[in-house]
Amino acid sequence: MDYFPDRQHVRLRSLELGTYLHAAADGIEVGLHTDRASVTAAWTVHRYQNEHDNTYLLLHSAASGRYLAAATNTRAPRGQSGFRVEQREFDEPEVASIMWQVIRPGNFVLLRHVGANFLRANGRRRFSWNSGVTVDKFQNMSTMMHWVVEPIPALQAYPGVPAPIAEPLSSPQFTCILFGRDPPPVRAIRFQRANDDGTFNEDGWREFQFTGSSSYRLLYELIIRLDIVNFVMCVRAGRYARLTPLLSNLPSGTGNTLYIVAIHNMTPGADELRFPDMGAA
């Protein structure tokens, strides 16, 4: 586990293919991509210790806050080996699908899911149609299960949310059907301001309806509702998930409710937050 210090940001690069493990923008899919500068290639280490003092590796996306999970009840897509890998919430005290063990046999690591399968890349050619990420059994062990851990340095300050995006926010349903557009997502935003130490009250949530995926627009809405300006928006992907500073637009496929905690700048809670420097070599 030395390769995975708690709260460190890391990239996982396939030793065989040279591509990186990415969290898809929908907050559900996981795949491979050559882009190492995107925040979707950054994963935050969450070292989890259970009641038996066993320590497991959890990885949550620096983009969505959602956790890397093995969906061992769902077969991999056609042409890929094993079972699906996806992003999911940490919504129960212990979620077996997001728990991993680290094996380091050389200059790479193996990530073994507690269900005994190993994280693997698929697709022998970099842009092969069957490329993707799955978990597969030990009997199919190959170099496709070898991963290189690349630590990501931290930025000194919050980089902010992405610039505004153009999105239809009030398109009638028939217009979406006529032009083949997906209707804009509508979700409940449950939000609150954290205490100065970064803690918050589970009974302190307020709620409003939000249309679209722009984190810039969401920031503006929260400025009005919280009556503060200088804060970091953090998303909580499940009751037991760690807070993740929002660095991307909102995931499009992750349900009807998003939990946001605002941590005011210049507080001890804000000082504890970490932001990956995706431009670092």
C-alpha atoms as a PDB file:
ATOM      1  CA  MET A   1       0.000   0.000   0.000  1.00  0.00           C
ATOM      2  CA  ASP A   2       3.055   2.305   0.057  1.00  0.00           C
ATOM      3  CA  TYR A   3       2.245   3.349  -3.514  1.00  0.00           C
ATOM      4  CA  PHE A   4      -1.092   4.720  -2.293  1.00  0.00           C
ATOM      5  CA  PRO A   5      -0.697   7.276   0.539  1.00  0.00           C
ATOM      6  CA  ASP A   6      -4.044   8.293   1.958  1.00  0.00           C
ATOM      7  CA  ARG A   7      -5.629  11.301   0.174  1.00  0.00           C
ATOM      8  CA  GLN A   8      -2.923  11.333  -2.536  1.00  0.00           C
ATOM      9  CA  HIS A   9      -4.021  11.799  -6.148  1.00  0.00           C
ATOM     10  CA  VAL A  10      -2.730   9.182  -8.586  1.00  0.00           C
ATOM     11  CA  ARG A  11      -3.008   8.091 -12.192  1.00  0.00           C
ATOM     12  CA  LEU A  12      -3.171   4.397 -13.109  1.00  0.00           C
ATOM     13  CA  ARG A  13      -1.435   3.625 -16.393  1.00  0.00           C
ATOM     14  CA  SER A  14      -1.704   0.278 -18.140  1.00  0.00           C
ATOM     15  CA  LEU A  15       1.849  -1.039 -18.416  1.00  0.00           C
ATOM     16  CA  GLU A  16       0.888  -2.998 -21.531  1.00  0.00           C
ATOM     17  CA  LEU A  17      -1.050  -0.321 -23.434  1.00  0.00           C
ATOM     18  CA  GLY A  18       0.256   2.964 -22.036  1.00  0.00           C
ATOM     19  CA  THR A  19      -3.289   4.297 -21.611  1.00  0.00           C
ATOM     20  CA  TYR A  20      -4.794   5.665 -18.416  1.00  0.00           C
ATOM     21  CA  LEU A  21      -7.730   4.616 -16.278  1.00  0.00           C
ATOM     22  CA  HIS A  22     -10.430   7.281 -16.761  1.00  0.00           C
ATOM     23  CA  ALA A  23     -13.715   7.990 -15.029  1.00  0.00           C
ATOM     24  CA  ALA A  24     -16.284   8.783 -17.729  1.00  0.00           C
ATOM     25  CA  ALA A  25     -18.115  12.098 -17.604  1.00  0.00           C
ATOM     26  CA  ASP A  26     -21.447  10.346 -16.972  1.00  0.00           C
ATOM     27  CA  GLY A  27     -20.245   9.298 -13.510  1.00  0.00           C
ATOM     28  CA  ILE A  28     -20.881   5.630 -14.293  1.00  0.00           C
ATOM     29  CA  GLU A  29     -18.566   4.237 -16.961  1.00  0.00           C
ATOM     30  CA  VAL A  30     -14.822   3.606 -16.594  1.00  0.00           C
ATOM     31  CA  GLY A  31     -12.473   3.359 -19.561  1.00  0.00           C
ATOM     32  CA  LEU A  32      -8.989   3.834 -21.009  1.00  0.00           C
ATOM     33  CA  HIS A  33      -7.642   6.975 -22.666  1.00  0.00           C
ATOM     34  CA  THR A  34      -4.295   8.445 -23.685  1.00  0.00           C
ATOM     35  CA  ASP A  35      -5.093  11.839 -22.085  1.00  0.00           C
ATOM     36  CA  ARG A  36      -3.120  12.129 -18.839  1.00  0.00           C
ATOM     37  CA  ALA A  37      -3.943  15.835 -18.319  1.00  0.00           C
ATOM     38  CA  SER A  38      -7.701  15.424 -17.849  1.00  0.00           C
ATOM     39  CA  VAL A  39      -9.041  15.445 -14.301  1.00  0.00           C
ATOM     40  CA  THR A  40     -10.952  12.277 -15.216  1.00  0.00           C
ATOM     41  CA  ALA A  41      -7.580  10.474 -15.139  1.00  0.00           C
ATOM     42  CA  ALA A  42      -7.039  11.454 -11.485  1.00  0.00           C
ATOM     43  CA  TRP A  43      -8.082   9.162  -8.651  1.00  0.00           C
ATOM     44  CA  THR A  44      -7.994  10.026  -4.947  1.00  0.00           C
ATOM     45  CA  VAL A  45      -6.734   7.439  -2.483  1.00  0.00           C
ATOM     46  CA  HIS A  46      -9.065   6.531   0.384  1.00  0.00           C
ATOM     47  CA  ARG A  47      -7.489   3.977   2.701  1.00  0.00           C
ATOM     48  CA  TYR A  48     -10.269   2.150   4.496  1.00  0.00           C
ATOM     49  CA  GLN A  49      -9.868   0.040   7.647  1.00  0.00           C
ATOM     50  CA  ASN A  50     -12.686  -2.288   8.665  1.00  0.00           C
ATOM     51  CA  GLU A  51     -13.661  -3.512  12.121  1.00  0.00           C
ATOM     52  CA  HIS A  52     -11.183  -6.401  11.830  1.00  0.00           C
ATOM     53  CA  ASP A  53      -8.291  -3.954  11.251  1.00  0.00           C
ATOM     54  CA  ASN A  54      -7.936  -4.997   7.628  1.00  0.00           C
ATOM     55  CA  THR A  55      -6.917  -2.107   5.386  1.00  0.00           C
ATOM     56  CA  TYR A  56      -8.264  -1.819   1.849  1.00  0.00           C
ATOM     57  CA  LEU A  57      -7.658   0.585  -1.003  1.00  0.00           C
ATOM     58  CA  LEU A  58     -10.588   2.667  -2.208  1.00  0.00           C
ATOM     59  CA  LEU A  59     -10.221   5.007  -5.184  1.00  0.00           C
ATOM     60  CA  HIS A  60     -12.649   7.821  -5.913  1.00  0.00           C
ATOM     61  CA  SER A  61     -12.637   9.958  -9.025  1.00  0.00           C
ATOM     62  CA  ALA A  62     -11.232  13.465  -8.649  1.00  0.00           C
ATOM     63  CA  ALA A  63     -13.867  14.499 -11.212  1.00  0.00           C
ATOM     64  CA  SER A  64     -17.080  13.037  -9.779  1.00  0.00           C
ATOM     65  CA  GLY A  65     -16.148  11.774  -6.311  1.00  0.00           C
ATOM     66  CA  ARG A  66     -17.592   8.374  -7.211  1.00  0.00           C
ATOM     67  CA  TYR A  67     -15.700   5.194  -6.361  1.00  0.00           C
ATOM     68  CA  LEU A  68     -14.048   2.606  -8.610  1.00  0.00           C
ATOM     69  CA  ALA A  69     -16.183  -0.522  -8.316  1.00  0.00           C
ATOM     70  CA  ALA A  70     -16.287  -4.059  -9.664  1.00  0.00           C
ATOM     71  CA  ALA A  71     -19.761  -4.995 -10.873  1.00  0.00           C
ATOM     72  CA  THR A  72     -19.187  -8.733 -10.581  1.00  0.00           C
ATOM     73  CA  ASN A  73     -22.803  -9.577 -11.362  1.00  0.00           C
ATOM     74  CA  THR A  74     -22.561  -7.989 -14.810  1.00  0.00           C
ATOM     75  CA  ARG A  75     -20.548  -9.550 -17.618  1.00  0.00           C
ATOM     76  CA  ALA A  76     -18.114  -7.352 -19.506  1.00  0.00           C
ATOM     77  CA  PRO A  77     -19.167  -5.969 -22.907  1.00  0.00           C
ATOM     78  CA  ARG A  78     -18.678  -8.249 -25.900  1.00  0.00           C
ATOM     79  CA  GLY A  79     -15.002  -8.646 -26.776  1.00  0.00           C
ATOM     80  CA  GLN A  80     -13.770  -7.870 -23.251  1.00  0.00           C
ATOM     81  CA  SER A  81     -12.787 -10.341 -20.588  1.00  0.00           C
ATOM     82  CA  GLY A  82     -14.427 -10.808 -17.198  1.00  0.00           C
ATOM     83  CA  PHE A  83     -16.904  -8.456 -15.519  1.00  0.00           C
ATOM     84  CA  ARG A  84     -17.775  -4.785 -15.768  1.00  0.00           C
ATOM     85  CA  VAL A  85     -16.020  -2.033 -13.827  1.00  0.00           C
ATOM     86  CA  GLU A  86     -17.941   1.144 -13.042  1.00  0.00           C
ATOM     87  CA  GLN A  87     -18.220   4.134 -10.725  1.00  0.00           C
ATOM     88  CA  ARG A  88     -20.615   3.979  -7.790  1.00  0.00           C
ATOM     89  CA  GLU A  89     -21.459   5.721  -4.539  1.00  0.00           C
ATOM     90  CA  PHE A  90     -20.105   4.811  -1.111  1.00  0.00           C
ATOM     91  CA  ASP A  91     -23.569   4.728   0.422  1.00  0.00           C
ATOM     92  CA  GLU A  92     -23.296   1.992   3.058  1.00  0.00           C
ATOM     93  CA  PRO A  93     -20.818   1.551   5.949  1.00  0.00           C
ATOM     94  CA  GLU A  94     -18.949  -1.090   3.944  1.00  0.00           C
ATOM     95  CA  VAL A  95     -19.344  -1.654   0.206  1.00  0.00           C
ATOM     96  CA  ALA A  96     -17.486  -4.748  -0.995  1.00  0.00           C
ATOM     97  CA  SER A  97     -17.564  -3.736  -4.659  1.00  0.00           C
ATOM     98  CA  ILE A  98     -15.304  -0.711  -4.056  1.00  0.00           C
ATOM     99  CA  MET A  99     -12.710  -2.506  -1.893  1.00  0.00           C
ATOM    100  CA  TRP A 100      -9.328  -3.407  -3.399  1.00  0.00           C
ATOM    101  CA  GLN A 101      -6.094  -5.023  -2.266  1.00  0.00           C
ATOM    102  CA  VAL A 102      -2.685  -4.054  -3.654  1.00  0.00           C
ATOM    103  CA  ILE A 103      -0.115  -6.607  -4.782  1.00  0.00           C
ATOM    104  CA  ARG A 104       3.288  -5.314  -5.873  1.00  0.00           C
ATOM    105  CA  PRO A 105       5.292  -8.022  -7.643  1.00  0.00           C
ATOM    106  CA  GLY A 106       7.704  -5.651  -9.427  1.00  0.00           C
ATOM    107  CA  ASN A 107       7.726  -2.210 -11.015  1.00  0.00           C
ATOM    108  CA  PHE A 108       3.951  -2.356 -11.298  1.00  0.00           C
ATOM    109  CA  VAL A 109       0.975  -3.217  -9.116  1.00  0.00           C
ATOM    110  CA  LEU A 110      -1.915  -5.631  -9.336  1.00  0.00           C
ATOM    111  CA  LEU A 111      -5.255  -4.468  -7.977  1.00  0.00           C
ATOM    112  CA  ARG A 112      -7.191  -7.405  -6.583  1.00  0.00           C
ATOM    113  CA  HIS A 113     -10.855  -6.905  -5.850  1.00  0.00           C
ATOM    114  CA  VAL A 114     -12.062  -8.485  -2.604  1.00  0.00           C
ATOM    115  CA  GLY A 115     -14.128 -10.810  -4.783  1.00  0.00           C
ATOM    116  CA  ALA A 116     -10.759 -12.264  -5.969  1.00  0.00           C
ATOM    117  CA  ASN A 117     -10.801 -10.823  -9.508  1.00  0.00           C
ATOM    118  CA  PHE A 118      -8.097  -8.476 -10.810  1.00  0.00           C
ATOM    119  CA  LEU A 119      -8.427  -5.097 -12.521  1.00  0.00           C
ATOM    120  CA  ARG A 120      -7.419  -5.441 -16.176  1.00  0.00           C
ATOM    121  CA  ALA A 121      -7.150  -3.426 -19.346  1.00  0.00           C
ATOM    122  CA  ASN A 122      -8.636  -4.755 -22.588  1.00  0.00           C
ATOM    123  CA  GLY A 123      -7.712  -4.265 -26.243  1.00  0.00           C
ATOM    124  CA  ARG A 124      -4.289  -5.135 -27.567  1.00  0.00           C
ATOM    125  CA  ARG A 125      -4.299  -2.167 -29.949  1.00  0.00           C
ATOM    126  CA  ARG A 126      -4.507   1.266 -28.383  1.00  0.00           C
ATOM    127  CA  PHE A 127      -7.683   2.291 -30.215  1.00  0.00           C
ATOM    128  CA  SER A 128      -9.210  -1.165 -30.512  1.00  0.00           C
ATOM    129  CA  TRP A 129     -13.012  -1.370 -30.501  1.00  0.00           C
ATOM    130  CA  ASN A 130     -12.891  -3.736 -27.535  1.00  0.00           C
ATOM    131  CA  SER A 131     -10.711  -1.563 -25.301  1.00  0.00           C
ATOM    132  CA  GLY A 132     -12.003  -0.973 -21.800  1.00  0.00           C
ATOM    133  CA  VAL A 133     -11.501  -1.856 -18.150  1.00  0.00           C
ATOM    134  CA  THR A 134     -12.845  -4.961 -16.431  1.00  0.00           C
ATOM    135  CA  VAL A 135     -12.085  -7.348 -13.588  1.00  0.00           C
ATOM    136  CA  ASP A 136     -11.048 -10.874 -14.456  1.00  0.00           C
ATOM    137  CA  LYS A 137     -10.145 -14.066 -12.622  1.00  0.00           C
ATOM    138  CA  PHE A 138      -6.624 -15.078 -11.579  1.00  0.00           C
ATOM    139  CA  GLN A 139      -6.593 -17.942 -14.087  1.00  0.00           C
ATOM    140  CA  ASN A 140      -6.559 -15.349 -16.887  1.00  0.00           C
ATOM    141  CA  MET A 141      -3.599 -13.472 -15.403  1.00  0.00           C
ATOM    142  CA  SER A 142      -1.679 -11.487 -18.014  1.00  0.00           C
ATOM    143  CA  THR A 143       0.303  -8.276 -18.496  1.00  0.00           C
ATOM    144  CA  MET A 144      -3.044  -6.564 -19.119  1.00  0.00           C
ATOM    145  CA  MET A 145      -3.448  -6.613 -15.320  1.00  0.00           C
ATOM    146  CA  HIS A 146      -0.207  -4.689 -14.712  1.00  0.00           C
ATOM    147  CA  TRP A 147      -0.684  -1.054 -13.646  1.00  0.00           C
ATOM    148  CA  VAL A 148       1.846   1.703 -13.063  1.00  0.00           C
ATOM    149  CA  VAL A 149       0.984   4.161 -10.287  1.00  0.00           C
ATOM    150  CA  GLU A 150       1.833   7.788 -11.101  1.00  0.00           C
ATOM    151  CA  PRO A 151       1.552  10.201  -8.138  1.00  0.00           C
ATOM    152  CA  ILE A 152       0.033  13.573  -9.036  1.00  0.00           C
ATOM    153  CA  PRO A 153       1.457  16.652  -7.269  1.00  0.00           C
ATOM    154  CA  ALA A 154      -0.947  18.947  -5.483  1.00  0.00           C
ATOM    155  CA  LEU A 155      -1.877  22.457  -6.552  1.00  0.00           C
ATOM    156  CA  GLN A 156      -1.514  25.172  -3.951  1.00  0.00           C
ATOM    157  CA  ALA A 157      -4.924  26.689  -4.619  1.00  0.00           C
ATOM    158  CA  TYR A 158      -8.372  25.657  -5.833  1.00  0.00           C
ATOM    159  CA  PRO A 159      -8.329  25.830  -9.665  1.00  0.00           C
ATOM    160  CA  GLY A 160     -12.064  26.525  -9.811  1.00  0.00           C
ATOM    161  CA  VAL A 161     -14.831  24.980 -11.876  1.00  0.00           C
ATOM    162  CA  PRO A 162     -14.929  24.770 -15.692  1.00  0.00           C
ATOM    163  CA  ALA A 163     -16.102  27.718 -17.754  1.00  0.00           C
ATOM    164  CA  PRO A 164     -19.798  27.996 -18.669  1.00  0.00           C
ATOM    165  CA  ILE A 165     -21.054  25.501 -21.239  1.00  0.00           C
ATOM    166  CA  ALA A 166     -23.761  25.868 -23.859  1.00  0.00           C
ATOM    167  CA  GLU A 167     -26.632  23.539 -23.015  1.00  0.00           C
ATOM    168  CA  PRO A 168     -30.386  23.576 -23.695  1.00  0.00           C
ATOM    169  CA  LEU A 169     -32.094  24.220 -20.373  1.00  0.00           C
ATOM    170  CA  SER A 170     -35.723  24.519 -21.426  1.00  0.00           C
ATOM    171  CA  SER A 171     -36.068  22.549 -24.642  1.00  0.00           C
ATOM    172  CA  PRO A 172     -39.551  21.040 -25.059  1.00  0.00           C
ATOM    173  CA  GLN A 173     -39.610  17.285 -25.172  1.00  0.00           C
ATOM    174  CA  PHE A 174     -40.721  17.224 -28.813  1.00  0.00           C
ATOM    175  CA  THR A 175     -37.742  19.426 -29.792  1.00  0.00           C
ATOM    176  CA  CYS A 176     -35.324  16.982 -28.178  1.00  0.00           C
ATOM    177  CA  ILE A 177     -36.949  14.109 -30.037  1.00  0.00           C
ATOM    178  CA  LEU A 178     -37.047  15.988 -33.361  1.00  0.00           C
ATOM    179  CA  PHE A 179     -33.358  16.945 -33.293  1.00  0.00           C
ATOM    180  CA  GLY A 180     -32.117  13.820 -31.544  1.00  0.00           C
ATOM    181  CA  ARG A 181     -31.026  15.672 -28.411  1.00  0.00           C
ATOM    182  CA  ASP A 182     -31.066  14.310 -24.899  1.00  0.00           C
ATOM    183  CA  PRO A 183     -33.245  16.419 -22.598  1.00  0.00           C
ATOM    184  CA  PRO A 184     -31.217  18.359 -20.018  1.00  0.00           C
ATOM    185  CA  PRO A 185     -30.840  16.472 -16.737  1.00  0.00           C
ATOM    186  CA  VAL A 186     -32.981  17.693 -13.858  1.00  0.00           C
ATOM    187  CA  ARG A 187     -31.854  16.833 -10.347  1.00  0.00           C
ATOM    188  CA  ALA A 188     -32.272  17.839  -6.749  1.00  0.00           C
ATOM    189  CA  ILE A 189     -29.297  19.652  -5.251  1.00  0.00           C
ATOM    190  CA  ARG A 190     -28.998  19.075  -1.513  1.00  0.00           C
ATOM    191  CA  PHE A 191     -26.526  21.552  -0.089  1.00  0.00           C
ATOM    192  CA  GLN A 192     -25.153  23.183   3.013  1.00  0.00           C
ATOM    193  CA  ARG A 193     -22.222  25.239   4.239  1.00  0.00           C
ATOM    194  CA  ALA A 194     -19.600  23.363   6.260  1.00  0.00           C
ATOM    195  CA  ASN A 195     -18.289  24.445   9.626  1.00  0.00           C
ATOM    196  CA  ASP A 196     -14.847  26.065   9.637  1.00  0.00           C
ATOM    197  CA  ASP A 197     -13.230  22.686  10.387  1.00  0.00           C
ATOM    198  CA  GLY A 198     -14.904  21.109   7.344  1.00  0.00           C
ATOM    199  CA  THR A 199     -17.515  19.124   9.265  1.00  0.00           C
ATOM    200  CA  PHE A 200     -21.230  19.438   8.581  1.00  0.00           C
ATOM    201  CA  ASN A 201     -24.580  18.408  10.028  1.00  0.00           C
ATOM    202  CA  GLU A 202     -26.498  15.517   8.465  1.00  0.00           C
ATOM    203  CA  ASP A 203     -29.717  17.308   9.416  1.00  0.00           C
ATOM    204  CA  GLY A 204     -28.628  20.589   7.845  1.00  0.00           C
ATOM    205  CA  TRP A 205     -29.388  19.958   4.172  1.00  0.00           C
ATOM    206  CA  ARG A 206     -31.404  22.418   2.087  1.00  0.00           C
ATOM    207  CA  GLU A 207     -32.646  21.560  -1.395  1.00  0.00           C
ATOM    208  CA  PHE A 208     -33.552  23.040  -4.775  1.00  0.00           C
ATOM    209  CA  GLN A 209     -34.147  21.766  -8.302  1.00  0.00           C
ATOM    210  CA  PHE A 210     -31.363  22.294 -10.835  1.00  0.00           C
ATOM    211  CA  THR A 211     -31.464  21.770 -14.599  1.00  0.00           C
ATOM    212  CA  GLY A 212     -28.370  21.040 -16.659  1.00  0.00           C
ATOM    213  CA  SER A 213     -24.792  19.936 -16.001  1.00  0.00           C
ATOM    214  CA  SER A 214     -22.870  23.199 -15.681  1.00  0.00           C
ATOM    215  CA  SER A 215     -20.940  23.409 -12.415  1.00  0.00           C
ATOM    216  CA  TYR A 216     -20.387  27.115 -13.197  1.00  0.00           C
ATOM    217  CA  ARG A 217     -24.138  27.744 -13.108  1.00  0.00           C
ATOM    218  CA  LEU A 218     -24.439  25.646  -9.966  1.00  0.00           C
ATOM    219  CA  LEU A 219     -21.740  27.748  -8.303  1.00  0.00           C
ATOM    220  CA  TYR A 220     -23.699  30.897  -9.148  1.00  0.00           C
ATOM    221  CA  GLU A 221     -26.882  29.387  -7.679  1.00  0.00           C
ATOM    222  CA  LEU A 222     -25.095  28.508  -4.444  1.00  0.00           C
ATOM    223  CA  ILE A 223     -23.543  31.958  -4.122  1.00  0.00           C
ATOM    224  CA  ILE A 224     -27.070  33.376  -4.099  1.00  0.00           C
ATOM    225  CA  ARG A 225     -28.537  30.774  -1.732  1.00  0.00           C
ATOM    226  CA  LEU A 226     -25.643  30.701   0.745  1.00  0.00           C
ATOM    227  CA  ASP A 227     -24.893  34.428   0.556  1.00  0.00           C
ATOM    228  CA  ILE A 228     -21.140  33.797   0.439  1.00  0.00           C
ATOM    229  CA  VAL A 229     -18.687  34.106  -2.454  1.00  0.00           C
ATOM    230  CA  ASN A 230     -15.310  32.566  -1.659  1.00  0.00           C
ATOM    231  CA  PHE A 231     -15.836  28.853  -1.139  1.00  0.00           C
ATOM    232  CA  VAL A 232     -14.984  25.466  -2.620  1.00  0.00           C
ATOM    233  CA  MET A 233     -17.860  23.317  -3.855  1.00  0.00           C
ATOM    234  CA  CYS A 234     -17.372  19.732  -2.740  1.00  0.00           C
ATOM    235  CA  VAL A 235     -19.481  16.787  -3.849  1.00  0.00           C
ATOM    236  CA  ARG A 236     -20.269  13.843  -1.576  1.00  0.00           C
ATOM    237  CA  ALA A 237     -20.911  10.666  -3.554  1.00  0.00           C
ATOM    238  CA  GLY A 238     -22.697   8.671  -0.886  1.00  0.00           C
ATOM    239  CA  ARG A 239     -23.206   9.032   2.862  1.00  0.00           C
ATOM    240  CA  TYR A 240     -19.830   7.461   3.695  1.00  0.00           C
ATOM    241  CA  ALA A 241     -17.862   9.012   0.842  1.00  0.00           C
ATOM    242  CA  ARG A 242     -15.189  11.599   1.367  1.00  0.00           C
ATOM    243  CA  LEU A 243     -15.772  15.102   0.090  1.00  0.00           C
ATOM    244  CA  THR A 244     -14.327  15.764  -3.366  1.00  0.00           C
ATOM    245  CA  PRO A 245     -13.714  19.313  -4.622  1.00  0.00           C
ATOM    246  CA  LEU A 246     -15.808  19.805  -7.757  1.00  0.00           C
ATOM    247  CA  LEU A 247     -13.385  20.257 -10.668  1.00  0.00           C
ATOM    248  CA  SER A 248     -15.595  19.205 -13.582  1.00  0.00           C
ATOM    249  CA  ASN A 249     -19.150  19.593 -14.791  1.00  0.00           C
ATOM    250  CA  LEU A 250     -21.859  17.528 -13.158  1.00  0.00           C
ATOM    251  CA  PRO A 251     -22.138  13.852 -14.099  1.00  0.00           C
ATOM    252  CA  SER A 252     -25.114  13.193 -16.344  1.00  0.00           C
ATOM    253  CA  GLY A 253     -26.046   9.646 -15.422  1.00  0.00           C
ATOM    254  CA  THR A 254     -25.890   9.408 -11.639  1.00  0.00           C
ATOM    255  CA  GLY A 255     -29.430   9.741 -10.372  1.00  0.00           C
ATOM    256  CA  ASN A 256     -31.696  12.531  -9.259  1.00  0.00           C
ATOM    257  CA  THR A 257     -29.877  13.962  -6.229  1.00  0.00           C
ATOM    258  CA  LEU A 258     -26.457  15.549  -5.809  1.00  0.00           C
ATOM    259  CA  TYR A 259     -25.013  16.424  -2.394  1.00  0.00           C
ATOM    260  CA  ILE A 260     -22.866  19.570  -2.270  1.00  0.00           C
ATOM    261  CA  VAL A 261     -20.945  20.936   0.715  1.00  0.00           C
ATOM    262  CA  ALA A 262     -19.541  24.475   0.510  1.00  0.00           C
ATOM    263  CA  ILE A 263     -16.276  24.964   2.428  1.00  0.00           C
ATOM    264  CA  HIS A 264     -15.366  28.601   2.925  1.00  0.00           C
ATOM    265  CA  ASN A 265     -11.875  29.721   1.903  1.00  0.00           C
ATOM    266  CA  MET A 266      -9.382  30.682   4.596  1.00  0.00           C
ATOM    267  CA  THR A 267     -10.699  28.088   7.037  1.00  0.00           C
ATOM    268  CA  PRO A 268      -8.964  24.991   8.459  1.00  0.00           C
ATOM    269  CA  GLY A 269     -11.433  22.842   6.505  1.00  0.00           C
ATOM    270  CA  ALA A 270     -10.376  24.450   3.223  1.00  0.00           C
ATOM    271  CA  ASP A 271      -6.700  24.009   4.134  1.00  0.00           C
ATOM    272  CA  GLU A 272      -7.256  20.240   4.302  1.00  0.00           C
ATOM    273  CA  LEU A 273      -8.531  20.006   0.720  1.00  0.00           C
ATOM    274  CA  ARG A 274      -6.227  18.773  -2.049  1.00  0.00           C
ATOM    275  CA  PHE A 275      -6.371  19.550  -5.761  1.00  0.00           C
ATOM    276  CA  PRO A 276      -4.445  17.555  -8.398  1.00  0.00           C
ATOM    277  CA  ASP A 277      -2.015  19.425 -10.643  1.00  0.00           C
ATOM    278  CA  MET A 278      -2.990  17.765 -13.920  1.00  0.00           C
ATOM    279  CA  GLY A 279      -0.420  19.776 -15.885  1.00  0.00           C
ATOM    280  CA  ALA A 280       2.544  18.483 -13.868  1.00  0.00           C
ATOM    281  CA  ALA A 281       4.997  16.254 -15.681  1.00  0.00           C
END
